[in-house]
Amino acid sequence: MDDFNDVDKQWLLFKQNFRSKNDPLTNDRLYKNLNEEQYRRSVFEDNYRRIVKHNQLFNQGIEKNRQSVNMFSDWTDKEFYDYNKPLPIPINQQTI
């Protein structure tokens, strides 16, 4: 996965490896329509490009860890943050 030229292969592998849970009969990740799939593919390509660049820096000893494609690779940074943001602490449990 150190070469962006295999993005087509990586996209297909991503859709197979992280298939939709709501349809166990399919071999691919499901999207609502073609427009959504094209958008998700674009987001995936951007994220994949970032992963490849990061891993090239890792191979040069500049970064300390490798990155890889995961179930969130077709999400934007904002979507990932919104999904993982901490829940607010109720006022009665806050400390000063």
C-alpha atoms as a PDB file:
ATOM      1  CA  MET A   1       0.000   0.000   0.000  1.00  0.00           C
ATOM      2  CA  ASP A   2       2.896   2.368  -0.525  1.00  0.00           C
ATOM      3  CA  ASP A   3       1.844   3.343  -4.035  1.00  0.00           C
ATOM      4  CA  PHE A   4      -1.160   5.463  -4.948  1.00  0.00           C
ATOM      5  CA  ASN A   5      -1.371   3.743  -8.362  1.00  0.00           C
ATOM      6  CA  ASP A   6      -3.247   0.802  -6.836  1.00  0.00           C
ATOM      7  CA  VAL A   7      -6.148   2.946  -5.581  1.00  0.00           C
ATOM      8  CA  ASP A   8      -8.663   1.070  -7.750  1.00  0.00           C
ATOM      9  CA  LYS A   9      -7.639  -2.237  -6.206  1.00  0.00           C
ATOM     10  CA  GLN A  10      -7.632  -0.728  -2.709  1.00  0.00           C
ATOM     11  CA  TRP A  11     -11.130   0.707  -3.232  1.00  0.00           C
ATOM     12  CA  LEU A  12     -12.500  -2.718  -4.193  1.00  0.00           C
ATOM     13  CA  LEU A  13     -10.731  -4.362  -1.254  1.00  0.00           C
ATOM     14  CA  PHE A  14     -12.083  -1.681   1.080  1.00  0.00           C
ATOM     15  CA  LYS A  15     -15.648  -2.265  -0.094  1.00  0.00           C
ATOM     16  CA  GLN A  16     -15.253  -6.023   0.343  1.00  0.00           C
ATOM     17  CA  ASN A  17     -13.426  -5.959   3.683  1.00  0.00           C
ATOM     18  CA  PHE A  18     -15.742  -3.409   5.267  1.00  0.00           C
ATOM     19  CA  ARG A  19     -19.017  -4.504   3.727  1.00  0.00           C
ATOM     20  CA  SER A  20     -22.322  -3.224   4.991  1.00  0.00           C
ATOM     21  CA  LYS A  21     -23.658  -4.996   8.054  1.00  0.00           C
ATOM     22  CA  ASN A  22     -27.273  -4.344   7.088  1.00  0.00           C
ATOM     23  CA  ASP A  23     -27.048  -6.640   4.049  1.00  0.00           C
ATOM     24  CA  PRO A  24     -25.003  -9.769   4.803  1.00  0.00           C
ATOM     25  CA  LEU A  25     -25.695 -11.174   1.339  1.00  0.00           C
ATOM     26  CA  THR A  26     -23.721  -8.533  -0.488  1.00  0.00           C
ATOM     27  CA  ASN A  27     -19.995  -8.725  -1.080  1.00  0.00           C
ATOM     28  CA  ASP A  28     -19.556  -4.974  -1.109  1.00  0.00           C
ATOM     29  CA  ARG A  29     -20.119  -1.932   1.036  1.00  0.00           C
ATOM     30  CA  LEU A  30     -23.513  -0.469   0.163  1.00  0.00           C
ATOM     31  CA  TYR A  31     -24.282   3.151  -0.624  1.00  0.00           C
ATOM     32  CA  LYS A  32     -27.672   4.784  -1.136  1.00  0.00           C
ATOM     33  CA  ASN A  33     -27.073   5.574  -4.782  1.00  0.00           C
ATOM     34  CA  LEU A  34     -24.386   6.095  -7.405  1.00  0.00           C
ATOM     35  CA  ASN A  35     -23.842   9.732  -6.425  1.00  0.00           C
ATOM     36  CA  GLU A  36     -23.094   8.742  -2.842  1.00  0.00           C
ATOM     37  CA  GLU A  37     -20.763   5.970  -3.972  1.00  0.00           C
ATOM     38  CA  GLN A  38     -18.876   8.395  -6.223  1.00  0.00           C
ATOM     39  CA  TYR A  39     -18.587  10.880  -3.363  1.00  0.00           C
ATOM     40  CA  ARG A  40     -17.366   8.175  -0.968  1.00  0.00           C
ATOM     41  CA  ARG A  41     -14.882   6.991  -3.562  1.00  0.00           C
ATOM     42  CA  SER A  42     -13.530  10.543  -3.806  1.00  0.00           C
ATOM     43  CA  VAL A  43     -13.208  10.795  -0.009  1.00  0.00           C
ATOM     44  CA  PHE A  44     -11.532   7.377   0.044  1.00  0.00           C
ATOM     45  CA  GLU A  45      -9.030   8.488  -2.615  1.00  0.00           C
ATOM     46  CA  ASP A  46      -8.121  11.588  -0.613  1.00  0.00           C
ATOM     47  CA  ASN A  47      -7.687   9.553   2.564  1.00  0.00           C
ATOM     48  CA  TYR A  48      -5.774   6.831   0.749  1.00  0.00           C
ATOM     49  CA  ARG A  49      -3.428   9.414  -0.771  1.00  0.00           C
ATOM     50  CA  ARG A  50      -2.800  10.785   2.734  1.00  0.00           C
ATOM     51  CA  ILE A  51      -2.107   7.255   4.052  1.00  0.00           C
ATOM     52  CA  VAL A  52       0.367   6.543   1.251  1.00  0.00           C
ATOM     53  CA  LYS A  53       2.234   9.817   1.855  1.00  0.00           C
ATOM     54  CA  HIS A  54       2.321   9.190   5.604  1.00  0.00           C
ATOM     55  CA  ASN A  55       3.709   5.672   5.094  1.00  0.00           C
ATOM     56  CA  GLN A  56       6.376   6.973   2.725  1.00  0.00           C
ATOM     57  CA  LEU A  57       7.481   9.311   5.519  1.00  0.00           C
ATOM     58  CA  PHE A  58       7.403   6.359   7.920  1.00  0.00           C
ATOM     59  CA  ASN A  59       9.672   4.392   5.574  1.00  0.00           C
ATOM     60  CA  GLN A  60      12.088   7.339   5.646  1.00  0.00           C
ATOM     61  CA  GLY A  61      12.063   7.355   9.449  1.00  0.00           C
ATOM     62  CA  ILE A  62      10.215  10.680   9.663  1.00  0.00           C
ATOM     63  CA  GLU A  63       6.907   9.313  11.013  1.00  0.00           C
ATOM     64  CA  LYS A  64       6.766   6.915  13.945  1.00  0.00           C
ATOM     65  CA  ASN A  65       3.846   4.715  12.860  1.00  0.00           C
ATOM     66  CA  ARG A  66       2.282   3.203   9.767  1.00  0.00           C
ATOM     67  CA  GLN A  67      -1.282   3.918   8.757  1.00  0.00           C
ATOM     68  CA  SER A  68      -3.675   1.648   6.903  1.00  0.00           C
ATOM     69  CA  VAL A  69      -7.121   1.615   5.353  1.00  0.00           C
ATOM     70  CA  ASN A  70      -9.847   0.989   7.920  1.00  0.00           C
ATOM     71  CA  MET A  71     -13.648   1.060   8.211  1.00  0.00           C
ATOM     72  CA  PHE A  72     -13.616   4.883   8.283  1.00  0.00           C
ATOM     73  CA  SER A  73     -11.555   5.413   5.132  1.00  0.00           C
ATOM     74  CA  ASP A  74     -14.559   6.682   3.184  1.00  0.00           C
ATOM     75  CA  TRP A  75     -15.430   9.249   5.871  1.00  0.00           C
ATOM     76  CA  THR A  76     -14.331  12.855   5.952  1.00  0.00           C
ATOM     77  CA  ASP A  77     -12.378  14.134   8.951  1.00  0.00           C
ATOM     78  CA  LYS A  78     -15.493  16.012  10.111  1.00  0.00           C
ATOM     79  CA  GLU A  79     -17.684  12.911   9.918  1.00  0.00           C
ATOM     80  CA  PHE A  80     -15.123  10.944  11.898  1.00  0.00           C
ATOM     81  CA  TYR A  81     -14.832  13.688  14.513  1.00  0.00           C
ATOM     82  CA  ASP A  82     -18.605  14.075  14.826  1.00  0.00           C
ATOM     83  CA  TYR A  83     -18.958  10.319  15.289  1.00  0.00           C
ATOM     84  CA  ASN A  84     -16.196  10.140  17.914  1.00  0.00           C
ATOM     85  CA  LYS A  85     -16.546  13.458  19.707  1.00  0.00           C
ATOM     86  CA  PRO A  86     -16.838  13.178  23.455  1.00  0.00           C
ATOM     87  CA  LEU A  87     -20.274  13.371  24.967  1.00  0.00           C
ATOM     88  CA  PRO A  88     -20.908  16.459  27.074  1.00  0.00           C
ATOM     89  CA  ILE A  89     -20.515  15.950  30.799  1.00  0.00           C
ATOM     90  CA  PRO A  90     -23.748  16.674  32.676  1.00  0.00           C
ATOM     91  CA  ILE A  91     -23.496  19.831  34.766  1.00  0.00           C
ATOM     92  CA  ASN A  92     -24.056  17.935  38.007  1.00  0.00           C
ATOM     93  CA  GLN A  93     -20.996  15.751  37.271  1.00  0.00           C
ATOM     94  CA  GLN A  94     -18.574  18.492  36.227  1.00  0.00           C
ATOM     95  CA  THR A  95     -15.671  19.354  38.500  1.00  0.00           C
ATOM     96  CA  ILE A  96     -14.183  22.800  38.914  1.00  0.00           C
END
